């Protein structure tokens, strides 16, 4: 009786399967990274500054704590955190290849 790994290797025709899985994970993480980069770029364009400048200038307070600006802050912060986290994960996975 063959294992699941052996069956997957037969189906995709590549060995070792662990490298195939790592490559697939890297592709998915890069896709997610590109989404976060798009958010960062859109916010940079909208506010004419980086997230760090946005925070330092306290734009949320300056704009009267409007829902839109606070929401943008949260989305932007999540994107920046995502960019940093995903880049680290991709680097770690690339070292496995």
PDB file of N, CA and C in Angstrom:
ATOM      1  N   UNK A   1       0.845  -1.182   0.000  1.00  0.00           N
ATOM      2  CA  UNK A   1       0.000   0.000   0.000  1.00  0.00           C
ATOM      3  C   UNK A   1       0.892   1.248   0.000  1.00  0.00           C
ATOM      4  N   UNK A   2       0.621   2.167  -0.913  1.00  0.00           N
ATOM      5  CA  UNK A   2       1.453   3.369  -0.998  1.00  0.00           C
ATOM      6  C   UNK A   2       0.937   4.458  -0.050  1.00  0.00           C
ATOM      7  N   UNK A   3       1.842   5.377   0.276  1.00  0.00           N
ATOM      8  CA  UNK A   3       1.491   6.470   1.168  1.00  0.00           C
ATOM      9  C   UNK A   3       0.874   7.618   0.368  1.00  0.00           C
ATOM     10  N   UNK A   4       0.299   8.542   1.074  1.00  0.00           N
ATOM     11  CA  UNK A   4      -0.287   9.726   0.436  1.00  0.00           C
ATOM     12  C   UNK A   4       0.797  10.479  -0.337  1.00  0.00           C
ATOM     13  N   UNK A   5       1.961  10.609   0.271  1.00  0.00           N
ATOM     14  CA  UNK A   5       3.081  11.305  -0.384  1.00  0.00           C
ATOM     15  C   UNK A   5       3.445  10.624  -1.696  1.00  0.00           C
ATOM     16  N   UNK A   6       3.528   9.318  -1.686  1.00  0.00           N
ATOM     17  CA  UNK A   6       3.865   8.572  -2.899  1.00  0.00           C
ATOM     18  C   UNK A   6       2.803   8.778  -3.974  1.00  0.00           C
ATOM     19  N   UNK A   7       1.555   8.797  -3.566  1.00  0.00           N
ATOM     20  CA  UNK A   7       0.468   9.021  -4.526  1.00  0.00           C
ATOM     21  C   UNK A   7       0.542  10.423  -5.126  1.00  0.00           C
ATOM     22  N   UNK A   8       0.824  11.413  -4.293  1.00  0.00           N
ATOM     23  CA  UNK A   8       0.952  12.788  -4.790  1.00  0.00           C
ATOM     24  C   UNK A   8       2.126  12.882  -5.759  1.00  0.00           C
ATOM     25  N   UNK A   9       3.248  12.252  -5.416  1.00  0.00           N
ATOM     26  CA  UNK A   9       4.409  12.258  -6.309  1.00  0.00           C
ATOM     27  C   UNK A   9       4.075  11.629  -7.654  1.00  0.00           C
ATOM     28  N   UNK A  10       3.268  10.566  -7.648  1.00  0.00           N
ATOM     29  CA  UNK A  10       2.846   9.935  -8.904  1.00  0.00           C
ATOM     30  C   UNK A  10       1.984  10.889  -9.729  1.00  0.00           C
ATOM     31  N   UNK A  11       1.081  11.567  -9.066  1.00  0.00           N
ATOM     32  CA  UNK A  11       0.155  12.470  -9.757  1.00  0.00           C
ATOM     33  C   UNK A  11       0.886  13.662 -10.377  1.00  0.00           C
ATOM     34  N   UNK A  12       1.754  14.284  -9.600  1.00  0.00           N
ATOM     35  CA  UNK A  12       2.414  15.489 -10.129  1.00  0.00           C
ATOM     36  C   UNK A  12       3.709  15.178 -10.866  1.00  0.00           C
ATOM     37  N   UNK A  13       4.215  13.986 -10.681  1.00  0.00           N
ATOM     38  CA  UNK A  13       5.398  13.562 -11.418  1.00  0.00           C
ATOM     39  C   UNK A  13       6.686  14.221 -10.974  1.00  0.00           C
ATOM     40  N   UNK A  14       6.712  14.719  -9.763  1.00  0.00           N
ATOM     41  CA  UNK A  14       7.935  15.348  -9.259  1.00  0.00           C
ATOM     42  C   UNK A  14       8.321  14.757  -7.922  1.00  0.00           C
ATOM     43  N   UNK A  15       9.623  14.666  -7.716  1.00  0.00           N
ATOM     44  CA  UNK A  15      10.167  14.234  -6.435  1.00  0.00           C
ATOM     45  C   UNK A  15      11.298  15.178  -6.078  1.00  0.00           C
ATOM     46  N   UNK A  16      11.616  15.411  -4.889  1.00  0.00           N
ATOM     47  CA  UNK A  16      10.838  15.046  -3.716  1.00  0.00           C
ATOM     48  C   UNK A  16       9.661  16.004  -3.534  1.00  0.00           C
ATOM     49  N   UNK A  17       8.602  15.503  -2.994  1.00  0.00           N
ATOM     50  CA  UNK A  17       7.372  16.272  -2.836  1.00  0.00           C
ATOM     51  C   UNK A  17       7.560  17.464  -1.906  1.00  0.00           C
ATOM     52  N   UNK A  18       8.459  17.353  -0.934  1.00  0.00           N
ATOM     53  CA  UNK A  18       8.638  18.457   0.006  1.00  0.00           C
ATOM     54  C   UNK A  18       9.073  19.735  -0.707  1.00  0.00           C
ATOM     55  N   UNK A  19       9.918  19.617  -1.722  1.00  0.00           N
ATOM     56  CA  UNK A  19      10.348  20.800  -2.489  1.00  0.00           C
ATOM     57  C   UNK A  19       9.176  21.390  -3.278  1.00  0.00           C
ATOM     58  N   UNK A  20       8.328  20.529  -3.794  1.00  0.00           N
ATOM     59  CA  UNK A  20       7.154  20.980  -4.543  1.00  0.00           C
ATOM     60  C   UNK A  20       6.225  21.756  -3.604  1.00  0.00           C
ATOM     61  N   UNK A  21       6.042  21.237  -2.411  1.00  0.00           N
ATOM     62  CA  UNK A  21       5.182  21.901  -1.428  1.00  0.00           C
ATOM     63  C   UNK A  21       5.769  23.245  -1.027  1.00  0.00           C
ATOM     64  N   UNK A  22       7.056  23.295  -0.795  1.00  0.00           N
ATOM     65  CA  UNK A  22       7.708  24.557  -0.423  1.00  0.00           C
ATOM     66  C   UNK A  22       7.551  25.585  -1.547  1.00  0.00           C
ATOM     67  N   UNK A  23       7.745  25.165  -2.784  1.00  0.00           N
ATOM     68  CA  UNK A  23       7.582  26.088  -3.919  1.00  0.00           C
ATOM     69  C   UNK A  23       6.152  26.610  -4.006  1.00  0.00           C
ATOM     70  N   UNK A  24       5.189  25.729  -3.769  1.00  0.00           N
ATOM     71  CA  UNK A  24       3.784  26.139  -3.803  1.00  0.00           C
ATOM     72  C   UNK A  24       3.477  27.126  -2.675  1.00  0.00           C
ATOM     73  N   UNK A  25       4.024  26.878  -1.517  1.00  0.00           N
ATOM     74  CA  UNK A  25       3.831  27.804  -0.389  1.00  0.00           C
ATOM     75  C   UNK A  25       4.444  29.168  -0.698  1.00  0.00           C
ATOM     76  N   UNK A  26       5.628  29.158  -1.272  1.00  0.00           N
ATOM     77  CA  UNK A  26       6.283  30.425  -1.629  1.00  0.00           C
ATOM     78  C   UNK A  26       5.431  31.201  -2.632  1.00  0.00           C
ATOM     79  N   UNK A  27       4.895  30.510  -3.627  1.00  0.00           N
ATOM     80  CA  UNK A  27       4.030  31.185  -4.618  1.00  0.00           C
ATOM     81  C   UNK A  27       2.813  31.811  -3.944  1.00  0.00           C
ATOM     82  N   UNK A  28       2.189  31.081  -3.037  1.00  0.00           N
ATOM     83  CA  UNK A  28       1.004  31.595  -2.342  1.00  0.00           C
ATOM     84  C   UNK A  28       1.366  32.792  -1.454  1.00  0.00           C
ATOM     85  N   UNK A  29       2.475  32.694  -0.755  1.00  0.00           N
ATOM     86  CA  UNK A  29       2.896  33.809   0.098  1.00  0.00           C
ATOM     87  C   UNK A  29       3.239  35.038  -0.748  1.00  0.00           C
ATOM     88  N   UNK A  30       3.831  34.843  -1.903  1.00  0.00           N
ATOM     89  CA  UNK A  30       4.114  35.972  -2.804  1.00  0.00           C
ATOM     90  C   UNK A  30       2.828  36.610  -3.314  1.00  0.00           C
ATOM     91  N   UNK A  31       1.815  35.794  -3.560  1.00  0.00           N
ATOM     92  CA  UNK A  31       0.522  36.330  -3.990  1.00  0.00           C
ATOM     93  C   UNK A  31      -0.072  37.202  -2.880  1.00  0.00           C
ATOM     94  N   UNK A  32      -0.028  36.689  -1.655  1.00  0.00           N
ATOM     95  CA  UNK A  32      -0.533  37.466  -0.524  1.00  0.00           C
ATOM     96  C   UNK A  32       0.283  38.741  -0.330  1.00  0.00           C
ATOM     97  N   UNK A  33       1.582  38.621  -0.483  1.00  0.00           N
ATOM     98  CA  UNK A  33       2.476  39.781  -0.351  1.00  0.00           C
ATOM     99  C   UNK A  33       2.110  40.860  -1.357  1.00  0.00           C
ATOM    100  N   UNK A  34       1.824  40.463  -2.582  1.00  0.00           N
ATOM    101  CA  UNK A  34       1.480  41.449  -3.609  1.00  0.00           C
ATOM    102  C   UNK A  34       0.194  42.197  -3.245  1.00  0.00           C
ATOM    103  N   UNK A  35      -0.750  41.525  -2.601  1.00  0.00           N
ATOM    104  CA  UNK A  35      -1.974  42.193  -2.152  1.00  0.00           C
ATOM    105  C   UNK A  35      -1.665  43.266  -1.111  1.00  0.00           C
ATOM    106  N   UNK A  36      -0.795  42.930  -0.162  1.00  0.00           N
ATOM    107  CA  UNK A  36      -0.420  43.906   0.860  1.00  0.00           C
ATOM    108  C   UNK A  36       0.361  45.070   0.262  1.00  0.00           C
ATOM    109  N   UNK A  37       1.202  44.787  -0.709  1.00  0.00           N
ATOM    110  CA  UNK A  37       1.963  45.853  -1.363  1.00  0.00           C
ATOM    111  C   UNK A  37       1.031  46.786  -2.118  1.00  0.00           C
ATOM    112  N   UNK A  38      -0.004  46.232  -2.743  1.00  0.00           N
ATOM    113  CA  UNK A  38      -0.998  47.073  -3.425  1.00  0.00           C
ATOM    114  C   UNK A  38      -1.702  48.013  -2.441  1.00  0.00           C
ATOM    115  N   UNK A  39      -2.044  47.503  -1.270  1.00  0.00           N
ATOM    116  CA  UNK A  39      -2.680  48.345  -0.249  1.00  0.00           C
ATOM    117  C   UNK A  39      -1.717  49.451   0.181  1.00  0.00           C
ATOM    118  N   UNK A  40      -0.463  49.092   0.451  1.00  0.00           N
ATOM    119  CA  UNK A  40       0.532  50.083   0.849  1.00  0.00           C
ATOM    120  C   UNK A  40       0.683  51.156  -0.229  1.00  0.00           C
ATOM    121  N   UNK A  41       0.789  50.745  -1.482  1.00  0.00           N
ATOM    122  CA  UNK A  41       0.945  51.706  -2.580  1.00  0.00           C
ATOM    123  C   UNK A  41      -0.274  52.622  -2.707  1.00  0.00           C
ATOM    124  N   UNK A  42      -1.458  52.056  -2.556  1.00  0.00           N
ATOM    125  CA  UNK A  42      -2.684  52.856  -2.654  1.00  0.00           C
ATOM    126  C   UNK A  42      -2.743  53.893  -1.536  1.00  0.00           C
ATOM    127  N   UNK A  43      -2.365  53.504  -0.337  1.00  0.00           N
ATOM    128  CA  UNK A  43      -2.380  54.439   0.794  1.00  0.00           C
ATOM    129  C   UNK A  43      -1.299  55.508   0.655  1.00  0.00           C
ATOM    130  N   UNK A  44      -0.121  55.108   0.173  1.00  0.00           N
ATOM    131  CA  UNK A  44       0.942  56.094  -0.074  1.00  0.00           C
ATOM    132  C   UNK A  44       0.465  57.151  -1.068  1.00  0.00           C
ATOM    133  N   UNK A  45      -0.224  56.689  -2.096  1.00  0.00           N
ATOM    134  CA  UNK A  45      -0.731  57.609  -3.112  1.00  0.00           C
ATOM    135  C   UNK A  45      -1.834  58.503  -2.523  1.00  0.00           C
ATOM    136  N   UNK A  46      -2.739  57.894  -1.773  1.00  0.00           N
ATOM    137  CA  UNK A  46      -3.865  58.643  -1.200  1.00  0.00           C
ATOM    138  C   UNK A  46      -3.402  59.737  -0.245  1.00  0.00           C
ATOM    139  N   UNK A  47      -2.413  59.414   0.608  1.00  0.00           N
ATOM    140  CA  UNK A  47      -1.984  60.363   1.632  1.00  0.00           C
ATOM    141  C   UNK A  47      -0.674  61.081   1.298  1.00  0.00           C
ATOM    142  N   UNK A  48      -0.008  60.659   0.239  1.00  0.00           N
ATOM    143  CA  UNK A  48       1.230  61.323  -0.175  1.00  0.00           C
ATOM    144  C   UNK A  48       2.386  61.137   0.786  1.00  0.00           C
ATOM    145  N   UNK A  49       2.387  60.018   1.489  1.00  0.00           N
ATOM    146  CA  UNK A  49       3.461  59.752   2.457  1.00  0.00           C
ATOM    147  C   UNK A  49       3.494  58.268   2.792  1.00  0.00           C
ATOM    148  N   UNK A  50       4.560  57.873   3.491  1.00  0.00           N
ATOM    149  CA  UNK A  50       4.677  56.487   3.952  1.00  0.00           C
ATOM    150  C   UNK A  50       3.841  56.299   5.218  1.00  0.00           C
ATOM    151  N   UNK A  51       3.662  55.044   5.610  1.00  0.00           N
ATOM    152  CA  UNK A  51       2.912  54.754   6.830  1.00  0.00           C
ATOM    153  C   UNK A  51       3.613  55.352   8.049  1.00  0.00           C
ATOM    154  N   UNK A  52       4.925  55.261   8.082  1.00  0.00           N
ATOM    155  CA  UNK A  52       5.679  55.827   9.209  1.00  0.00           C
ATOM    156  C   UNK A  52       5.455  57.336   9.314  1.00  0.00           C
ATOM    157  N   UNK A  53       5.455  58.028   8.180  1.00  0.00           N
ATOM    158  CA  UNK A  53       5.177  59.465   8.186  1.00  0.00           C
ATOM    159  C   UNK A  53       3.736  59.729   8.631  1.00  0.00           C
ATOM    160  N   UNK A  54       2.815  58.921   8.152  1.00  0.00           N
ATOM    161  CA  UNK A  54       1.399  59.025   8.500  1.00  0.00           C
ATOM    162  C   UNK A  54       1.229  58.943  10.016  1.00  0.00           C
ATOM    163  N   UNK A  55       1.908  57.969  10.629  1.00  0.00           N
ATOM    164  CA  UNK A  55       1.848  57.819  12.088  1.00  0.00           C
ATOM    165  C   UNK A  55       2.517  58.995  12.793  1.00  0.00           C
ATOM    166  N   UNK A  56       3.712  59.357  12.332  1.00  0.00           N
ATOM    167  CA  UNK A  56       4.472  60.427  12.978  1.00  0.00           C
ATOM    168  C   UNK A  56       3.731  61.766  12.925  1.00  0.00           C
ATOM    169  N   UNK A  57       3.036  62.021  11.842  1.00  0.00           N
ATOM    170  CA  UNK A  57       2.290  63.278  11.692  1.00  0.00           C
ATOM    171  C   UNK A  57       0.923  63.224  12.371  1.00  0.00           C
ATOM    172  N   UNK A  58       0.596  62.057  12.931  1.00  0.00           N
ATOM    173  CA  UNK A  58      -0.668  61.857  13.637  1.00  0.00           C
ATOM    174  C   UNK A  58      -1.857  62.298  12.783  1.00  0.00           C
ATOM    175  N   UNK A  59      -1.885  61.796  11.571  1.00  0.00           N
ATOM    176  CA  UNK A  59      -2.908  62.179  10.592  1.00  0.00           C
ATOM    177  C   UNK A  59      -4.312  61.816  11.070  1.00  0.00           C
ATOM    178  N   UNK A  60      -4.445  60.721  11.800  1.00  0.00           N
ATOM    179  CA  UNK A  60      -5.771  60.325  12.288  1.00  0.00           C
ATOM    180  C   UNK A  60      -6.349  61.437  13.167  1.00  0.00           C
ATOM    181  N   UNK A  61      -5.544  61.947  14.082  1.00  0.00           N
ATOM    182  CA  UNK A  61      -5.991  63.037  14.954  1.00  0.00           C
ATOM    183  C   UNK A  61      -6.238  64.298  14.139  1.00  0.00           C
ATOM    184  N   UNK A  62      -5.300  64.586  13.242  1.00  0.00           N
ATOM    185  CA  UNK A  62      -5.388  65.780  12.395  1.00  0.00           C
ATOM    186  C   UNK A  62      -6.691  65.801  11.590  1.00  0.00           C
ATOM    187  N   UNK A  63      -7.147  64.625  11.152  1.00  0.00           N
ATOM    188  CA  UNK A  63      -8.368  64.520  10.339  1.00  0.00           C
ATOM    189  C   UNK A  63      -9.616  64.316  11.205  1.00  0.00           C
ATOM    190  N   UNK A  64      -9.486  64.546  12.505  1.00  0.00           N
ATOM    191  CA  UNK A  64     -10.642  64.493  13.395  1.00  0.00           C
ATOM    192  C   UNK A  64     -11.163  63.102  13.682  1.00  0.00           C
ATOM    193  N   UNK A  65     -10.285  62.120  13.632  1.00  0.00           N
ATOM    194  CA  UNK A  65     -10.645  60.740  13.936  1.00  0.00           C
ATOM    195  C   UNK A  65     -11.824  60.244  13.079  1.00  0.00           C
ATOM    196  N   UNK A  66     -11.826  60.652  11.830  1.00  0.00           N
ATOM    197  CA  UNK A  66     -12.910  60.217  10.940  1.00  0.00           C
ATOM    198  C   UNK A  66     -12.827  58.700  10.739  1.00  0.00           C
ATOM    199  N   UNK A  67     -13.980  58.111  10.478  1.00  0.00           N
ATOM    200  CA  UNK A  67     -14.038  56.667  10.277  1.00  0.00           C
ATOM    201  C   UNK A  67     -13.131  56.246   9.130  1.00  0.00           C
ATOM    202  N   UNK A  68     -13.159  57.004   8.037  1.00  0.00           N
ATOM    203  CA  UNK A  68     -12.362  56.650   6.858  1.00  0.00           C
ATOM    204  C   UNK A  68     -10.872  56.617   7.182  1.00  0.00           C
ATOM    205  N   UNK A  69     -10.396  57.645   7.878  1.00  0.00           N
ATOM    206  CA  UNK A  69      -8.962  57.728   8.173  1.00  0.00           C
ATOM    207  C   UNK A  69      -8.560  56.656   9.186  1.00  0.00           C
ATOM    208  N   UNK A  70      -9.401  56.425  10.182  1.00  0.00           N
ATOM    209  CA  UNK A  70      -9.086  55.375  11.149  1.00  0.00           C
ATOM    210  C   UNK A  70      -9.092  53.998  10.483  1.00  0.00           C
ATOM    211  N   UNK A  71     -10.035  53.780   9.596  1.00  0.00           N
ATOM    212  CA  UNK A  71     -10.098  52.522   8.853  1.00  0.00           C
ATOM    213  C   UNK A  71      -8.867  52.358   7.965  1.00  0.00           C
ATOM    214  N   UNK A  72      -8.484  53.443   7.295  1.00  0.00           N
ATOM    215  CA  UNK A  72      -7.274  53.408   6.468  1.00  0.00           C
ATOM    216  C   UNK A  72      -6.051  53.083   7.309  1.00  0.00           C
ATOM    217  N   UNK A  73      -5.979  53.688   8.493  1.00  0.00           N
ATOM    218  CA  UNK A  73      -4.854  53.426   9.388  1.00  0.00           C
ATOM    219  C   UNK A  73      -4.768  51.932   9.705  1.00  0.00           C
ATOM    220  N   UNK A  74      -5.899  51.341  10.082  1.00  0.00           N
ATOM    221  CA  UNK A  74      -5.913  49.917  10.433  1.00  0.00           C
ATOM    222  C   UNK A  74      -5.534  49.037   9.243  1.00  0.00           C
ATOM    223  N   UNK A  75      -6.105  49.332   8.077  1.00  0.00           N
ATOM    224  CA  UNK A  75      -5.788  48.562   6.869  1.00  0.00           C
ATOM    225  C   UNK A  75      -4.319  48.703   6.492  1.00  0.00           C
ATOM    226  N   UNK A  76      -3.824  49.918   6.596  1.00  0.00           N
ATOM    227  CA  UNK A  76      -2.435  50.192   6.221  1.00  0.00           C
ATOM    228  C   UNK A  76      -1.470  49.505   7.179  1.00  0.00           C
ATOM    229  N   UNK A  77      -1.771  49.608   8.479  1.00  0.00           N
ATOM    230  CA  UNK A  77      -0.922  48.957   9.474  1.00  0.00           C
ATOM    231  C   UNK A  77      -0.893  47.450   9.255  1.00  0.00           C
ATOM    232  N   UNK A  78      -2.067  46.862   8.978  1.00  0.00           N
ATOM    233  CA  UNK A  78      -2.142  45.429   8.704  1.00  0.00           C
ATOM    234  C   UNK A  78      -1.306  45.073   7.468  1.00  0.00           C
ATOM    235  N   UNK A  79      -1.370  45.910   6.448  1.00  0.00           N
ATOM    236  CA  UNK A  79      -0.598  45.656   5.225  1.00  0.00           C
ATOM    237  C   UNK A  79       0.897  45.710   5.505  1.00  0.00           C
ATOM    238  N   UNK A  80       1.338  46.703   6.253  1.00  0.00           N
ATOM    239  CA  UNK A  80       2.772  46.823   6.571  1.00  0.00           C
ATOM    240  C   UNK A  80       3.235  45.627   7.389  1.00  0.00           C
ATOM    241  N   UNK A  81       2.450  45.249   8.393  1.00  0.00           N
ATOM    242  CA  UNK A  81       2.796  44.060   9.190  1.00  0.00           C
ATOM    243  C   UNK A  81       2.827  42.811   8.309  1.00  0.00           C
ATOM    244  N   UNK A  82       1.848  42.699   7.413  1.00  0.00           N
ATOM    245  CA  UNK A  82       1.792  41.568   6.503  1.00  0.00           C
ATOM    246  C   UNK A  82       2.993  41.510   5.578  1.00  0.00           C
ATOM    247  N   UNK A  83       3.384  42.654   5.054  1.00  0.00           N
ATOM    248  CA  UNK A  83       4.559  42.716   4.169  1.00  0.00           C
ATOM    249  C   UNK A  83       5.791  42.204   4.901  1.00  0.00           C
ATOM    250  N   UNK A  84       6.015  42.707   6.099  1.00  0.00           N
ATOM    251  CA  UNK A  84       7.201  42.305   6.861  1.00  0.00           C
ATOM    252  C   UNK A  84       7.169  40.829   7.226  1.00  0.00           C
ATOM    253  N   UNK A  85       6.025  40.355   7.692  1.00  0.00           N
ATOM    254  CA  UNK A  85       5.887  38.956   8.092  1.00  0.00           C
ATOM    255  C   UNK A  85       6.051  38.016   6.906  1.00  0.00           C
ATOM    256  N   UNK A  86       5.387  38.336   5.799  1.00  0.00           N
ATOM    257  CA  UNK A  86       5.463  37.456   4.628  1.00  0.00           C
ATOM    258  C   UNK A  86       6.858  37.429   4.028  1.00  0.00           C
ATOM    259  N   UNK A  87       7.530  38.556   4.007  1.00  0.00           N
ATOM    260  CA  UNK A  87       8.916  38.563   3.496  1.00  0.00           C
ATOM    261  C   UNK A  87       9.805  37.652   4.328  1.00  0.00           C
ATOM    262  N   UNK A  88       9.639  37.687   5.647  1.00  0.00           N
ATOM    263  CA  UNK A  88      10.419  36.810   6.525  1.00  0.00           C
ATOM    264  C   UNK A  88      10.105  35.342   6.241  1.00  0.00           C
ATOM    265  N   UNK A  89       8.828  35.020   6.105  1.00  0.00           N
ATOM    266  CA  UNK A  89       8.427  33.635   5.836  1.00  0.00           C
ATOM    267  C   UNK A  89       8.964  33.150   4.495  1.00  0.00           C
ATOM    268  N   UNK A  90       8.894  33.995   3.481  1.00  0.00           N
ATOM    269  CA  UNK A  90       9.397  33.623   2.156  1.00  0.00           C
ATOM    270  C   UNK A  90      10.897  33.362   2.219  1.00  0.00           C
ATOM    271  N   UNK A  91      11.636  34.237   2.909  1.00  0.00           N
ATOM    272  CA  UNK A  91      13.087  34.043   3.038  1.00  0.00           C
ATOM    273  C   UNK A  91      13.400  32.712   3.715  1.00  0.00           C
ATOM    274  N   UNK A  92      12.673  32.389   4.781  1.00  0.00           N
ATOM    275  CA  UNK A  92      12.896  31.117   5.485  1.00  0.00           C
ATOM    276  C   UNK A  92      12.612  29.925   4.576  1.00  0.00           C
ATOM    277  N   UNK A  93      11.520  29.996   3.840  1.00  0.00           N
ATOM    278  CA  UNK A  93      11.176  28.889   2.946  1.00  0.00           C
ATOM    279  C   UNK A  93      12.175  28.753   1.801  1.00  0.00           C
ATOM    280  N   UNK A  94      12.646  29.889   1.262  1.00  0.00           N
ATOM    281  CA  UNK A  94      13.607  29.829   0.169  1.00  0.00           C
ATOM    282  C   UNK A  94      14.914  29.166   0.603  1.00  0.00           C
ATOM    283  N   UNK A  95      15.248  29.279   1.874  1.00  0.00           N
ATOM    284  CA  UNK A  95      16.472  28.625   2.383  1.00  0.00           C
ATOM    285  C   UNK A  95      16.331  27.098   2.398  1.00  0.00           C
ATOM    286  N   UNK A  96      15.089  26.613   2.342  1.00  0.00           N
ATOM    287  CA  UNK A  96      14.868  25.167   2.342  1.00  0.00           C
ATOM    288  C   UNK A  96      15.063  24.550   0.954  1.00  0.00           C
ATOM    289  N   UNK A  97      15.079  25.373  -0.067  1.00  0.00           N
ATOM    290  CA  UNK A  97      15.200  24.840  -1.437  1.00  0.00           C
ATOM    291  C   UNK A  97      16.640  24.554  -1.815  1.00  0.00           C
TER     292      UNK A  97
END
